[in-house]
Amino acid sequence: MKKLFTAAVMTALIGISAQADLLRIEMGGGVWNNELSGTAQYDGAPAFNVDTLNYSDEDKGYLWIFIKHPIPILPNIRLEYADIKFSGTSTGGFEWDDNIYEAGTSSTTELTQIDAILYYNILDNTGWTTLDLGVDIKYIDASIKANGTVLGLQESFNESEKLVLPLAYGRLRFEVPLTGIGFEGDVKYVTYKDSSMLDYRIKADYTLMDVLPFDIGFEVGYRFQNIDFTSDDFSGINSNLDIDIDGYFAGAVVRF
């Protein structure tokens, strides 16, 4: 997925290089320290608390880039990538695919995400305020792998599911005049039948002005996701999830 995101970013940059003076480009990346909480359930098996899996907080990378062009009728674009992965050894038993795994089961859960956001500037630094509204097409590549003991025998499973979801998107930013300091928040949300997804982020950033032909900055913030999926709402998905992924992040920003 990281290669896919990098290829998309490079293609976009090459395609617009001849018109860079007419566009605004920002990109950033860093580390998101996230933790997982909530419940999971396979088909009709009893739900279990994911704390049972004994996952520790993880420091994982994230990347983003947005391109604002001068053609009002066409939406601007923002691309995001988040590498989300947890692993641990369970402290208790849990049931999955008709097997009851005992304590000591090792497992890994991945929820890699790529977002392609199409948005319009409703306010573009008007009174030092920016407001963006649009739609996010979120791709989730989810998998859970486990290996443990079931009735005295070694068993394992490997479940993999992929989803593409449209989410409403909004972003609000305020810049403190003459300081290089900005405050920003964005939210993505969708609900469908008994399922929903919420993804929001708040951050502060500081830009070093007039250091290079481009500006370099730093960002710190907090990101929260709630994934509440019911298998009845999606064909081909066997698991029910009601999980939270959240934590603080920090990274660098480059503005052209």
Foldseek 3Di string as FASTA:
>chain_A
DVVVLVVVVVVVCVVCVVPVVQKKKKKKKFWWFKDKWFWKDFFPFDIDTCVQQVWDTDIWMKMKMWMGGDDQVFFTKMKIWTWDKTKHFGQAWDDYPNFIFGGRKIKMKTWIKMKIWTWHWPDDCDVQKTKIWTKIWMKTWIKMKIWGDTPRDIDIDIDIDIDIDIWTKMKMKGDDPPFQKIKIKMWTKDDDDQWIKIKMKIKMKGWDPPPDPKIKIKMKIKIKMWGFDDCVRDPPDRMTTTMMMMGMIMIMMIID
